[in-house]
């Protein structure tokens, strides 16, 4: 399973990159604004800075919700760097834009997916990634992980090349469960990735090793 980090914070990206497990980055206008990055030129510059840190794909989201606007923004984003994947919303014009970009050889990530039917449409339109939002489904007492399982079954049935990019990851168990049901990618905050490092028995065992090593030096 690929590990993406969902952020616009360069220090967080560098921290996971330093671990050697980072495969890509997803971000969006909300995450950009959270870091105080506003204005078109600053946003495009920031995408380039992210691409210079990581080796993998960087999803860059369009703001327009109409077909012509998505095409205009998407082409500009795709021309920015070869690692850029154009992120499109799961709406009718978003699917049309996905098909347009697929025919042009521009890679896309269809986001805000909350049903297996939406994921099927995205795959039919040629998206290389589809982003179902687990956490937001969990927020309304719906099993987000079940959705990942449904999409996995459909994609396997028809050998779609679209990768399941599980988004809205909230915690470490989301990451583990995504791996168990066959998600191709997870994208979440730094905490969800670093949480995989932690176990109290690891800490206890390491402390014991250190204490025993000290005794051997006496």
N, C-alpha and C. Protein backbone atom coordinates (compact mmCIF):
# COMPACT_ATOMS: atom_id res chain seq x y z
N UNK A 1 0.84 -1.20 0.00
CA UNK A 1 0.00 0.00 0.00
C UNK A 1 0.88 1.25 0.00
N UNK A 2 0.51 2.20 -0.85
CA UNK A 2 1.26 3.45 -0.91
C UNK A 2 0.83 4.36 0.24
N UNK A 3 1.80 5.12 0.75
CA UNK A 3 1.53 6.09 1.80
C UNK A 3 1.64 7.51 1.24
N UNK A 4 0.52 8.22 1.24
CA UNK A 4 0.51 9.64 0.90
C UNK A 4 0.23 10.42 2.18
N UNK A 5 0.71 11.64 2.24
CA UNK A 5 0.36 12.51 3.36
C UNK A 5 -0.58 13.60 2.85
N UNK A 6 -1.61 13.87 3.63
CA UNK A 6 -2.63 14.84 3.23
C UNK A 6 -2.38 16.15 3.95
N UNK A 7 -1.64 17.02 3.32
CA UNK A 7 -1.24 18.27 3.98
C UNK A 7 -0.64 19.23 2.96
N UNK A 8 -0.49 20.47 3.38
CA UNK A 8 0.28 21.45 2.60
C UNK A 8 1.47 21.93 3.42
N UNK A 9 1.68 21.30 4.58
CA UNK A 9 2.76 21.69 5.48
C UNK A 9 4.07 21.04 5.04
N UNK A 10 5.03 21.83 4.63
CA UNK A 10 6.28 21.30 4.08
C UNK A 10 7.08 20.54 5.12
N UNK A 11 7.06 20.97 6.37
CA UNK A 11 7.82 20.28 7.41
C UNK A 11 7.25 18.89 7.68
N UNK A 12 5.92 18.76 7.67
CA UNK A 12 5.31 17.44 7.84
C UNK A 12 5.68 16.53 6.68
N UNK A 13 5.67 17.07 5.47
CA UNK A 13 6.03 16.28 4.30
C UNK A 13 7.48 15.81 4.41
N UNK A 14 8.37 16.71 4.82
CA UNK A 14 9.78 16.35 4.95
C UNK A 14 9.99 15.29 6.03
N UNK A 15 9.20 15.35 7.09
CA UNK A 15 9.36 14.37 8.18
C UNK A 15 9.02 12.96 7.72
N UNK A 16 7.93 12.81 6.96
CA UNK A 16 7.58 11.47 6.47
C UNK A 16 8.54 11.03 5.37
N UNK A 17 8.96 11.97 4.55
CA UNK A 17 9.95 11.67 3.51
C UNK A 17 11.23 11.13 4.13
N UNK A 18 11.63 11.71 5.26
CA UNK A 18 12.85 11.28 5.93
C UNK A 18 12.74 9.85 6.46
N UNK A 19 11.51 9.41 6.76
CA UNK A 19 11.31 8.03 7.20
C UNK A 19 11.55 7.03 6.07
N UNK A 20 11.44 7.52 4.84
CA UNK A 20 11.66 6.65 3.68
C UNK A 20 10.42 5.89 3.24
N UNK A 21 9.23 6.31 3.71
CA UNK A 21 8.01 5.57 3.38
C UNK A 21 7.00 6.41 2.60
N UNK A 22 7.36 7.62 2.23
CA UNK A 22 6.40 8.51 1.58
C UNK A 22 6.35 8.26 0.07
N UNK A 23 5.14 8.03 -0.44
CA UNK A 23 4.95 7.77 -1.87
C UNK A 23 4.30 8.93 -2.62
N UNK A 24 3.74 9.90 -1.89
CA UNK A 24 3.09 11.01 -2.57
C UNK A 24 2.40 11.94 -1.59
N UNK A 25 1.75 12.95 -2.13
CA UNK A 25 1.08 13.98 -1.33
C UNK A 25 -0.27 14.31 -1.95
N UNK A 26 -1.26 14.51 -1.09
CA UNK A 26 -2.53 15.09 -1.53
C UNK A 26 -2.72 16.38 -0.77
N UNK A 27 -3.31 17.34 -1.43
CA UNK A 27 -3.61 18.60 -0.76
C UNK A 27 -4.83 19.23 -1.42
N UNK A 28 -5.32 20.31 -0.88
CA UNK A 28 -6.50 20.97 -1.41
C UNK A 28 -6.51 22.42 -0.94
N UNK A 29 -7.43 23.23 -1.46
CA UNK A 29 -7.45 24.65 -1.08
C UNK A 29 -7.59 24.88 0.43
N UNK A 30 -8.36 24.03 1.11
CA UNK A 30 -8.52 24.18 2.56
C UNK A 30 -7.20 23.98 3.29
N UNK A 31 -6.44 22.97 2.87
CA UNK A 31 -5.15 22.71 3.50
C UNK A 31 -4.14 23.81 3.18
N UNK A 32 -4.22 24.35 1.98
CA UNK A 32 -3.36 25.48 1.61
C UNK A 32 -3.67 26.68 2.50
N UNK A 33 -4.98 26.99 2.65
CA UNK A 33 -5.38 28.13 3.47
C UNK A 33 -4.95 27.95 4.92
N UNK A 34 -4.97 26.69 5.40
CA UNK A 34 -4.55 26.40 6.77
C UNK A 34 -3.11 26.79 7.01
N UNK A 35 -2.29 26.71 5.96
CA UNK A 35 -0.88 27.07 6.06
C UNK A 35 -0.64 28.53 5.68
N UNK A 36 -1.73 29.28 5.46
CA UNK A 36 -1.60 30.70 5.12
C UNK A 36 -1.20 30.96 3.69
N UNK A 37 -1.40 29.96 2.82
CA UNK A 37 -1.00 30.10 1.41
C UNK A 37 -2.23 30.49 0.60
N UNK A 38 -2.25 31.70 0.12
CA UNK A 38 -3.38 32.20 -0.66
C UNK A 38 -2.87 32.89 -1.93
N UNK A 39 -3.77 33.05 -2.89
CA UNK A 39 -3.38 33.67 -4.15
C UNK A 39 -2.85 32.63 -5.12
N UNK A 40 -3.25 32.73 -6.37
CA UNK A 40 -2.90 31.73 -7.38
C UNK A 40 -1.40 31.50 -7.50
N UNK A 41 -0.64 32.56 -7.61
CA UNK A 41 0.81 32.42 -7.81
C UNK A 41 1.46 31.71 -6.63
N UNK A 42 1.06 32.06 -5.42
CA UNK A 42 1.63 31.43 -4.23
C UNK A 42 1.26 29.95 -4.14
N UNK A 43 0.04 29.64 -4.53
CA UNK A 43 -0.41 28.24 -4.50
C UNK A 43 0.37 27.41 -5.51
N UNK A 44 0.53 27.92 -6.72
CA UNK A 44 1.28 27.19 -7.75
C UNK A 44 2.74 27.01 -7.33
N UNK A 45 3.32 28.03 -6.74
CA UNK A 45 4.70 27.94 -6.24
C UNK A 45 4.81 26.88 -5.16
N UNK A 46 3.80 26.81 -4.30
CA UNK A 46 3.83 25.83 -3.21
C UNK A 46 3.74 24.41 -3.75
N UNK A 47 2.92 24.20 -4.78
CA UNK A 47 2.87 22.87 -5.40
C UNK A 47 4.24 22.45 -5.92
N UNK A 48 4.96 23.39 -6.50
CA UNK A 48 6.31 23.09 -6.99
C UNK A 48 7.25 22.73 -5.85
N UNK A 49 7.13 23.44 -4.74
CA UNK A 49 7.97 23.14 -3.58
C UNK A 49 7.69 21.73 -3.06
N UNK A 50 6.42 21.33 -3.07
CA UNK A 50 6.07 19.98 -2.65
C UNK A 50 6.68 18.95 -3.61
N UNK A 51 6.57 19.20 -4.91
CA UNK A 51 7.13 18.29 -5.92
C UNK A 51 8.63 18.14 -5.77
N UNK A 52 9.30 19.18 -5.30
CA UNK A 52 10.75 19.12 -5.12
C UNK A 52 11.16 18.32 -3.89
N UNK A 53 10.20 18.05 -3.00
CA UNK A 53 10.50 17.27 -1.79
C UNK A 53 10.28 15.78 -2.03
N UNK A 54 9.16 15.44 -2.69
CA UNK A 54 8.78 14.04 -2.86
C UNK A 54 9.08 13.54 -4.27
N UNK A 55 9.16 12.23 -4.40
CA UNK A 55 9.41 11.63 -5.71
C UNK A 55 8.12 11.19 -6.40
N UNK A 56 7.04 11.04 -5.61
CA UNK A 56 5.80 10.49 -6.15
C UNK A 56 4.79 11.53 -6.57
N UNK A 57 3.56 11.06 -6.74
CA UNK A 57 2.49 11.91 -7.24
C UNK A 57 2.05 12.95 -6.22
N UNK A 58 1.67 14.11 -6.74
CA UNK A 58 1.16 15.21 -5.92
C UNK A 58 -0.19 15.62 -6.49
N UNK A 59 -1.26 15.36 -5.75
CA UNK A 59 -2.59 15.72 -6.21
C UNK A 59 -2.84 17.21 -5.97
N UNK A 60 -3.18 17.92 -7.03
CA UNK A 60 -3.46 19.36 -6.97
C UNK A 60 -4.89 19.58 -7.42
N UNK A 61 -5.69 20.20 -6.57
CA UNK A 61 -7.14 20.28 -6.80
C UNK A 61 -7.56 21.53 -7.54
N UNK A 62 -8.48 21.33 -8.49
CA UNK A 62 -9.08 22.47 -9.17
C UNK A 62 -10.11 23.11 -8.24
N UNK A 63 -10.37 24.39 -8.47
CA UNK A 63 -11.36 25.11 -7.67
C UNK A 63 -12.68 25.25 -8.41
N UNK A 64 -12.61 25.33 -9.72
CA UNK A 64 -13.82 25.48 -10.54
C UNK A 64 -14.73 24.27 -10.41
N UNK A 65 -16.03 24.52 -10.61
CA UNK A 65 -17.00 23.43 -10.57
C UNK A 65 -17.72 23.27 -11.92
N UNK A 66 -17.29 24.03 -12.92
CA UNK A 66 -17.85 23.88 -14.27
C UNK A 66 -16.78 23.27 -15.18
N UNK A 67 -17.22 22.61 -16.24
CA UNK A 67 -16.32 21.87 -17.13
C UNK A 67 -15.20 22.75 -17.68
N UNK A 68 -15.56 23.88 -18.26
CA UNK A 68 -14.54 24.74 -18.89
C UNK A 68 -13.52 25.23 -17.87
N UNK A 69 -14.00 25.59 -16.69
CA UNK A 69 -13.09 26.05 -15.66
C UNK A 69 -12.15 24.95 -15.20
N UNK A 70 -12.67 23.73 -15.04
CA UNK A 70 -11.83 22.60 -14.63
C UNK A 70 -10.77 22.29 -15.67
N UNK A 71 -11.15 22.36 -16.93
CA UNK A 71 -10.18 22.09 -18.00
C UNK A 71 -9.08 23.14 -17.99
N UNK A 72 -9.47 24.39 -17.87
CA UNK A 72 -8.48 25.48 -17.84
C UNK A 72 -7.52 25.33 -16.66
N UNK A 73 -8.07 25.13 -15.47
CA UNK A 73 -7.22 24.98 -14.28
C UNK A 73 -6.40 23.70 -14.33
N UNK A 74 -7.03 22.61 -14.75
CA UNK A 74 -6.35 21.32 -14.77
C UNK A 74 -5.16 21.30 -15.72
N UNK A 75 -5.34 21.90 -16.88
CA UNK A 75 -4.23 21.94 -17.84
C UNK A 75 -3.07 22.77 -17.30
N UNK A 76 -3.40 23.85 -16.61
CA UNK A 76 -2.35 24.68 -16.01
C UNK A 76 -1.61 23.92 -14.91
N UNK A 77 -2.35 23.20 -14.08
CA UNK A 77 -1.73 22.43 -13.01
C UNK A 77 -0.86 21.30 -13.58
N UNK A 78 -1.38 20.60 -14.57
CA UNK A 78 -0.63 19.48 -15.16
C UNK A 78 0.66 19.94 -15.80
N UNK A 79 0.65 21.15 -16.38
CA UNK A 79 1.84 21.69 -17.04
C UNK A 79 2.89 22.15 -16.03
N UNK A 80 2.47 22.27 -14.78
CA UNK A 80 3.36 22.78 -13.74
C UNK A 80 4.53 21.84 -13.45
N UNK A 81 4.22 20.53 -13.38
CA UNK A 81 5.26 19.54 -13.05
C UNK A 81 4.74 18.16 -13.43
N UNK A 82 5.63 17.27 -13.82
CA UNK A 82 5.22 15.93 -14.27
C UNK A 82 4.62 15.09 -13.14
N UNK A 83 4.88 15.45 -11.88
CA UNK A 83 4.34 14.68 -10.76
C UNK A 83 2.90 15.08 -10.41
N UNK A 84 2.42 16.15 -10.98
CA UNK A 84 1.09 16.64 -10.63
C UNK A 84 -0.01 15.73 -11.18
N UNK A 85 -0.95 15.40 -10.31
CA UNK A 85 -2.18 14.69 -10.69
C UNK A 85 -3.33 15.67 -10.45
N UNK A 86 -4.17 15.87 -11.44
CA UNK A 86 -5.25 16.85 -11.34
C UNK A 86 -6.41 16.25 -10.54
N UNK A 87 -6.76 16.94 -9.47
CA UNK A 87 -7.80 16.46 -8.56
C UNK A 87 -9.13 17.12 -8.92
N UNK A 88 -10.14 16.28 -9.22
CA UNK A 88 -11.44 16.74 -9.71
C UNK A 88 -12.55 16.30 -8.76
N UNK A 89 -13.60 17.11 -8.63
CA UNK A 89 -14.72 16.72 -7.77
C UNK A 89 -15.64 15.71 -8.44
N UNK A 90 -16.25 14.87 -7.62
CA UNK A 90 -17.19 13.87 -8.12
C UNK A 90 -18.56 14.53 -8.40
N UNK A 91 -18.62 15.22 -9.53
CA UNK A 91 -19.86 15.79 -10.05
C UNK A 91 -19.87 15.50 -11.54
N UNK A 92 -20.99 15.77 -12.20
CA UNK A 92 -21.10 15.44 -13.63
C UNK A 92 -20.00 16.09 -14.45
N UNK A 93 -19.77 17.39 -14.25
CA UNK A 93 -18.72 18.06 -15.01
C UNK A 93 -17.34 17.55 -14.62
N UNK A 94 -17.20 17.07 -13.39
CA UNK A 94 -15.93 16.50 -12.97
C UNK A 94 -15.63 15.20 -13.70
N UNK A 95 -16.67 14.38 -13.91
CA UNK A 95 -16.49 13.14 -14.67
C UNK A 95 -16.21 13.44 -16.14
N UNK A 96 -16.89 14.44 -16.68
CA UNK A 96 -16.61 14.84 -18.07
C UNK A 96 -15.16 15.31 -18.21
N UNK A 97 -14.71 16.09 -17.23
CA UNK A 97 -13.33 16.58 -17.27
C UNK A 97 -12.35 15.43 -17.11
N UNK A 98 -12.70 14.47 -16.27
CA UNK A 98 -11.85 13.30 -16.07
C UNK A 98 -11.65 12.55 -17.39
N UNK A 99 -12.73 12.35 -18.13
CA UNK A 99 -12.64 11.68 -19.42
C UNK A 99 -11.81 12.50 -20.41
N UNK A 100 -12.03 13.80 -20.41
CA UNK A 100 -11.26 14.69 -21.29
C UNK A 100 -9.78 14.57 -21.00
N UNK A 101 -9.41 14.67 -19.73
CA UNK A 101 -7.99 14.60 -19.36
C UNK A 101 -7.40 13.22 -19.65
N UNK A 102 -8.18 12.18 -19.39
CA UNK A 102 -7.69 10.82 -19.66
C UNK A 102 -7.35 10.65 -21.13
N UNK A 103 -8.20 11.18 -22.00
CA UNK A 103 -7.96 11.09 -23.45
C UNK A 103 -6.72 11.89 -23.85
N UNK A 104 -6.38 12.91 -23.06
CA UNK A 104 -5.21 13.76 -23.34
C UNK A 104 -3.94 13.25 -22.66
N UNK A 105 -4.07 12.17 -21.88
CA UNK A 105 -2.90 11.63 -21.19
C UNK A 105 -2.56 12.37 -19.91
N UNK A 106 -3.51 13.16 -19.40
CA UNK A 106 -3.31 13.88 -18.12
C UNK A 106 -3.95 13.06 -17.01
N UNK A 107 -3.20 12.80 -15.98
CA UNK A 107 -3.65 11.93 -14.89
C UNK A 107 -4.57 12.68 -13.92
N UNK A 108 -5.57 11.96 -13.41
CA UNK A 108 -6.57 12.58 -12.55
C UNK A 108 -6.85 11.77 -11.29
N UNK A 109 -7.34 12.48 -10.28
CA UNK A 109 -7.78 11.90 -9.02
C UNK A 109 -9.18 12.44 -8.76
N UNK A 110 -10.18 11.58 -8.78
CA UNK A 110 -11.56 12.02 -8.53
C UNK A 110 -11.83 11.93 -7.03
N UNK A 111 -12.18 13.06 -6.44
CA UNK A 111 -12.29 13.17 -4.99
C UNK A 111 -13.74 13.38 -4.54
N UNK A 112 -13.94 13.36 -3.23
CA UNK A 112 -15.27 13.48 -2.63
C UNK A 112 -16.19 12.35 -3.08
N UNK A 113 -15.64 11.14 -3.04
CA UNK A 113 -16.39 9.93 -3.41
C UNK A 113 -16.97 9.30 -2.14
N UNK A 114 -18.27 9.01 -2.16
CA UNK A 114 -18.94 8.46 -0.99
C UNK A 114 -19.78 7.23 -1.30
N UNK A 115 -19.71 6.73 -2.54
CA UNK A 115 -20.47 5.53 -2.88
C UNK A 115 -19.70 4.71 -3.91
N UNK A 116 -20.04 3.42 -3.97
CA UNK A 116 -19.41 2.53 -4.94
C UNK A 116 -19.78 2.93 -6.37
N UNK A 117 -21.00 3.43 -6.55
CA UNK A 117 -21.42 3.87 -7.88
C UNK A 117 -20.59 5.03 -8.38
N UNK A 118 -20.31 5.97 -7.50
CA UNK A 118 -19.45 7.10 -7.88
C UNK A 118 -18.06 6.61 -8.26
N UNK A 119 -17.53 5.66 -7.50
CA UNK A 119 -16.20 5.11 -7.79
C UNK A 119 -16.19 4.39 -9.13
N UNK A 120 -17.29 3.74 -9.47
CA UNK A 120 -17.39 3.04 -10.75
C UNK A 120 -17.36 4.04 -11.90
N UNK A 121 -18.09 5.15 -11.76
CA UNK A 121 -18.09 6.18 -12.80
C UNK A 121 -16.69 6.77 -13.00
N UNK A 122 -16.00 7.02 -11.89
CA UNK A 122 -14.65 7.60 -11.98
C UNK A 122 -13.71 6.66 -12.73
N UNK A 123 -13.82 5.37 -12.44
CA UNK A 123 -12.97 4.39 -13.12
C UNK A 123 -13.30 4.32 -14.61
N UNK A 124 -14.59 4.33 -14.94
CA UNK A 124 -15.01 4.31 -16.34
C UNK A 124 -14.50 5.52 -17.10
N UNK A 125 -14.38 6.66 -16.40
CA UNK A 125 -13.91 7.89 -17.04
C UNK A 125 -12.39 7.95 -17.14
N UNK A 126 -11.71 6.98 -16.54
CA UNK A 126 -10.26 6.88 -16.70
C UNK A 126 -9.42 7.49 -15.60
N UNK A 127 -10.02 7.77 -14.43
CA UNK A 127 -9.23 8.31 -13.32
C UNK A 127 -8.14 7.33 -12.91
N UNK A 128 -6.97 7.85 -12.57
CA UNK A 128 -5.93 6.93 -12.08
C UNK A 128 -6.08 6.71 -10.57
N UNK A 129 -6.73 7.66 -9.90
CA UNK A 129 -7.05 7.50 -8.48
C UNK A 129 -8.51 7.86 -8.25
N UNK A 130 -9.12 7.19 -7.30
CA UNK A 130 -10.43 7.58 -6.80
C UNK A 130 -10.30 7.71 -5.28
N UNK A 131 -10.85 8.80 -4.74
CA UNK A 131 -10.65 9.10 -3.32
C UNK A 131 -11.96 9.03 -2.52
N UNK A 132 -12.27 7.84 -1.97
CA UNK A 132 -13.39 7.73 -1.05
C UNK A 132 -13.00 8.30 0.32
N UNK A 133 -13.93 9.01 0.95
CA UNK A 133 -13.65 9.70 2.21
C UNK A 133 -14.16 8.89 3.40
N UNK A 134 -13.27 8.17 4.06
CA UNK A 134 -13.66 7.29 5.17
C UNK A 134 -14.17 8.06 6.38
N UNK A 135 -13.36 9.00 6.84
CA UNK A 135 -13.68 9.70 8.08
C UNK A 135 -15.02 10.41 8.03
N UNK A 136 -15.33 11.01 6.91
CA UNK A 136 -16.59 11.74 6.79
C UNK A 136 -17.78 10.80 6.81
N UNK A 137 -17.61 9.58 6.27
CA UNK A 137 -18.67 8.58 6.37
C UNK A 137 -18.83 8.12 7.81
N UNK A 138 -17.71 7.88 8.48
CA UNK A 138 -17.77 7.49 9.88
C UNK A 138 -18.47 8.56 10.72
N UNK A 139 -18.29 9.81 10.35
CA UNK A 139 -18.90 10.93 11.09
C UNK A 139 -20.42 10.86 11.07
N UNK A 140 -20.99 10.25 10.05
CA UNK A 140 -22.45 10.16 9.97
C UNK A 140 -22.93 8.73 10.23
N UNK A 141 -22.13 8.00 11.01
CA UNK A 141 -22.47 6.63 11.43
C UNK A 141 -22.65 5.67 10.26
N UNK A 142 -21.81 5.85 9.24
CA UNK A 142 -21.77 4.93 8.10
C UNK A 142 -20.40 4.29 8.05
N UNK A 143 -20.34 3.01 7.69
CA UNK A 143 -19.08 2.27 7.71
C UNK A 143 -18.24 2.61 6.47
N UNK A 144 -17.29 3.50 6.65
CA UNK A 144 -16.44 3.91 5.54
C UNK A 144 -15.61 2.76 5.01
N UNK A 145 -15.18 1.86 5.89
CA UNK A 145 -14.34 0.76 5.46
C UNK A 145 -15.11 -0.21 4.55
N UNK A 146 -16.41 -0.33 4.80
CA UNK A 146 -17.23 -1.18 3.93
C UNK A 146 -17.22 -0.65 2.50
N UNK A 147 -17.23 0.67 2.36
CA UNK A 147 -17.17 1.28 1.02
C UNK A 147 -15.88 0.89 0.31
N UNK A 148 -14.76 0.92 1.03
CA UNK A 148 -13.49 0.52 0.41
C UNK A 148 -13.56 -0.92 -0.09
N UNK A 149 -14.16 -1.78 0.71
CA UNK A 149 -14.30 -3.19 0.32
C UNK A 149 -15.16 -3.34 -0.93
N UNK A 150 -16.25 -2.56 -1.00
CA UNK A 150 -17.12 -2.62 -2.18
C UNK A 150 -16.38 -2.17 -3.44
N UNK A 151 -15.65 -1.07 -3.32
CA UNK A 151 -14.91 -0.57 -4.48
C UNK A 151 -13.85 -1.57 -4.90
N UNK A 152 -13.17 -2.17 -3.92
CA UNK A 152 -12.14 -3.17 -4.23
C UNK A 152 -12.73 -4.33 -5.04
N UNK A 153 -13.90 -4.80 -4.61
CA UNK A 153 -14.54 -5.92 -5.30
C UNK A 153 -14.91 -5.54 -6.74
N UNK A 154 -15.48 -4.36 -6.93
CA UNK A 154 -15.87 -3.92 -8.26
C UNK A 154 -14.66 -3.75 -9.17
N UNK A 155 -13.63 -3.11 -8.67
CA UNK A 155 -12.43 -2.90 -9.49
C UNK A 155 -11.75 -4.21 -9.86
N UNK A 156 -11.75 -5.15 -8.92
CA UNK A 156 -11.15 -6.45 -9.20
C UNK A 156 -12.00 -7.25 -10.20
N UNK A 157 -13.32 -7.11 -10.11
CA UNK A 157 -14.21 -7.83 -11.03
C UNK A 157 -13.93 -7.47 -12.48
N UNK A 158 -13.59 -6.20 -12.72
CA UNK A 158 -13.47 -5.72 -14.10
C UNK A 158 -12.06 -5.25 -14.45
N UNK A 159 -11.12 -5.54 -13.57
CA UNK A 159 -9.71 -5.24 -13.83
C UNK A 159 -9.47 -3.77 -14.16
N UNK A 160 -10.19 -2.87 -13.45
CA UNK A 160 -9.92 -1.45 -13.60
C UNK A 160 -8.52 -1.13 -13.10
N UNK A 161 -7.85 -0.22 -13.78
CA UNK A 161 -6.52 0.20 -13.35
C UNK A 161 -6.55 1.32 -12.32
N UNK A 162 -7.73 1.88 -12.08
CA UNK A 162 -7.88 2.96 -11.11
C UNK A 162 -7.49 2.48 -9.71
N UNK A 163 -6.67 3.26 -9.03
CA UNK A 163 -6.24 2.90 -7.68
C UNK A 163 -7.16 3.54 -6.64
N UNK A 164 -7.47 2.77 -5.60
CA UNK A 164 -8.29 3.28 -4.50
C UNK A 164 -7.38 4.05 -3.55
N UNK A 165 -7.65 5.35 -3.46
CA UNK A 165 -6.86 6.24 -2.60
C UNK A 165 -7.75 6.62 -1.41
N UNK A 166 -7.63 5.87 -0.34
CA UNK A 166 -8.49 6.09 0.83
C UNK A 166 -8.12 7.41 1.50
N UNK A 167 -9.10 8.31 1.56
CA UNK A 167 -8.86 9.66 2.09
C UNK A 167 -9.68 9.89 3.35
N UNK A 168 -9.52 11.08 3.91
CA UNK A 168 -10.18 11.43 5.17
C UNK A 168 -9.81 10.42 6.26
N UNK A 169 -8.55 9.99 6.22
CA UNK A 169 -8.01 9.11 7.25
C UNK A 169 -7.88 9.92 8.54
N UNK A 170 -8.38 9.39 9.63
CA UNK A 170 -8.38 10.13 10.89
C UNK A 170 -7.37 9.60 11.91
N UNK A 171 -7.05 8.32 11.81
CA UNK A 171 -6.20 7.72 12.86
C UNK A 171 -5.49 6.49 12.31
N UNK A 172 -4.62 5.94 13.13
CA UNK A 172 -3.77 4.84 12.70
C UNK A 172 -4.55 3.58 12.33
N UNK A 173 -5.63 3.27 13.06
CA UNK A 173 -6.39 2.07 12.73
C UNK A 173 -7.08 2.18 11.37
N UNK A 174 -7.40 3.39 10.95
CA UNK A 174 -7.90 3.56 9.59
C UNK A 174 -6.85 3.06 8.60
N UNK A 175 -5.59 3.40 8.84
CA UNK A 175 -4.50 2.99 7.95
C UNK A 175 -4.40 1.46 7.91
N UNK A 176 -4.38 0.84 9.07
CA UNK A 176 -4.26 -0.61 9.17
C UNK A 176 -5.44 -1.31 8.49
N UNK A 177 -6.63 -0.83 8.76
CA UNK A 177 -7.82 -1.46 8.18
C UNK A 177 -7.87 -1.28 6.66
N UNK A 178 -7.40 -0.14 6.18
CA UNK A 178 -7.32 0.06 4.72
C UNK A 178 -6.38 -0.96 4.09
N UNK A 179 -5.28 -1.21 4.76
CA UNK A 179 -4.33 -2.21 4.25
C UNK A 179 -4.95 -3.61 4.23
N UNK A 180 -5.77 -3.91 5.24
CA UNK A 180 -6.39 -5.23 5.35
C UNK A 180 -7.42 -5.48 4.25
N UNK A 181 -8.14 -4.44 3.84
CA UNK A 181 -9.19 -4.64 2.83
C UNK A 181 -8.71 -4.37 1.42
N UNK A 182 -7.45 -3.99 1.26
CA UNK A 182 -6.87 -3.89 -0.07
C UNK A 182 -6.88 -2.53 -0.73
N UNK A 183 -6.91 -1.46 0.07
CA UNK A 183 -6.79 -0.12 -0.51
C UNK A 183 -5.40 0.02 -1.12
N UNK A 184 -5.32 0.62 -2.30
CA UNK A 184 -4.02 0.78 -2.97
C UNK A 184 -3.17 1.86 -2.31
N UNK A 185 -3.86 2.89 -1.80
CA UNK A 185 -3.18 4.06 -1.24
C UNK A 185 -3.96 4.54 -0.03
N UNK A 186 -3.26 5.10 0.95
CA UNK A 186 -3.92 5.85 2.01
C UNK A 186 -3.34 7.25 2.01
N UNK A 187 -4.17 8.22 2.35
CA UNK A 187 -3.65 9.56 2.53
C UNK A 187 -4.24 10.12 3.82
N UNK A 188 -3.36 10.55 4.70
CA UNK A 188 -3.81 11.04 5.99
C UNK A 188 -2.81 12.01 6.58
N UNK A 189 -3.12 12.52 7.77
CA UNK A 189 -2.21 13.46 8.42
C UNK A 189 -0.96 12.76 8.94
N UNK A 190 0.02 13.56 9.31
CA UNK A 190 1.27 13.03 9.85
C UNK A 190 1.02 12.10 11.03
N UNK A 191 0.08 12.46 11.90
CA UNK A 191 -0.18 11.66 13.10
C UNK A 191 -0.63 10.24 12.79
N UNK A 192 -1.38 10.06 11.71
CA UNK A 192 -1.87 8.71 11.37
C UNK A 192 -0.74 7.81 10.90
N UNK A 193 0.29 8.40 10.31
CA UNK A 193 1.44 7.62 9.85
C UNK A 193 2.42 7.35 11.00
N UNK A 194 2.73 8.39 11.75
CA UNK A 194 3.64 8.22 12.89
C UNK A 194 3.06 7.29 13.94
N UNK A 195 1.73 7.25 14.02
CA UNK A 195 1.09 6.37 15.00
C UNK A 195 1.42 4.90 14.78
N UNK A 196 1.75 4.53 13.55
CA UNK A 196 2.11 3.15 13.25
C UNK A 196 3.40 2.72 13.95
N UNK A 197 4.21 3.69 14.33
CA UNK A 197 5.48 3.39 15.01
C UNK A 197 5.28 2.95 16.46
N UNK A 198 4.14 3.33 17.02
CA UNK A 198 3.99 3.26 18.47
C UNK A 198 3.40 1.95 18.98
N UNK A 199 4.03 1.41 20.02
CA UNK A 199 3.45 0.32 20.79
C UNK A 199 4.14 0.31 22.16
N UNK A 200 3.39 0.23 23.25
CA UNK A 200 4.00 0.30 24.58
C UNK A 200 5.02 -0.81 24.83
N UNK A 201 4.79 -1.98 24.24
CA UNK A 201 5.73 -3.09 24.46
C UNK A 201 7.07 -2.82 23.77
N UNK A 202 7.02 -2.08 22.67
CA UNK A 202 8.28 -1.68 22.02
C UNK A 202 9.08 -0.78 22.95
N UNK A 203 8.40 0.19 23.56
CA UNK A 203 9.06 1.11 24.49
C UNK A 203 9.62 0.37 25.70
N UNK A 204 8.83 -0.55 26.25
CA UNK A 204 9.28 -1.32 27.41
C UNK A 204 10.48 -2.18 27.05
N UNK A 205 10.39 -2.85 25.91
CA UNK A 205 11.48 -3.72 25.48
C UNK A 205 12.76 -2.95 25.23
N UNK A 206 12.64 -1.78 24.58
CA UNK A 206 13.82 -0.97 24.29
C UNK A 206 14.47 -0.47 25.57
N UNK A 207 13.65 -0.04 26.50
CA UNK A 207 14.19 0.43 27.78
C UNK A 207 14.92 -0.69 28.51
N UNK A 208 14.38 -1.91 28.42
CA UNK A 208 15.03 -3.05 29.07
C UNK A 208 16.38 -3.36 28.41
N UNK A 209 16.41 -3.28 27.07
CA UNK A 209 17.66 -3.52 26.35
C UNK A 209 18.72 -2.50 26.78
N UNK A 210 18.29 -1.24 26.89
CA UNK A 210 19.23 -0.18 27.26
C UNK A 210 19.77 -0.41 28.67
N UNK A 211 18.89 -0.78 29.60
CA UNK A 211 19.31 -1.04 30.98
C UNK A 211 20.26 -2.23 31.05
N UNK A 212 19.96 -3.29 30.30
CA UNK A 212 20.83 -4.47 30.27
C UNK A 212 22.19 -4.15 29.66
N UNK A 213 22.18 -3.28 28.63
CA UNK A 213 23.43 -2.89 27.99
C UNK A 213 24.31 -2.12 28.96
N UNK A 214 23.69 -1.28 29.79
CA UNK A 214 24.45 -0.53 30.79
C UNK A 214 25.12 -1.45 31.79
N UNK A 215 24.43 -2.53 32.16
CA UNK A 215 25.00 -3.50 33.11
C UNK A 215 26.22 -4.19 32.51
N UNK A 216 26.18 -4.45 31.21
CA UNK A 216 27.29 -5.13 30.55
C UNK A 216 28.53 -4.25 30.51
N UNK A 217 28.35 -2.93 30.61
CA UNK A 217 29.49 -2.02 30.57
C UNK A 217 30.20 -1.90 31.90
N UNK A 218 29.53 -2.37 32.98
CA UNK A 218 30.13 -2.26 34.31
C UNK A 218 31.25 -3.27 34.51
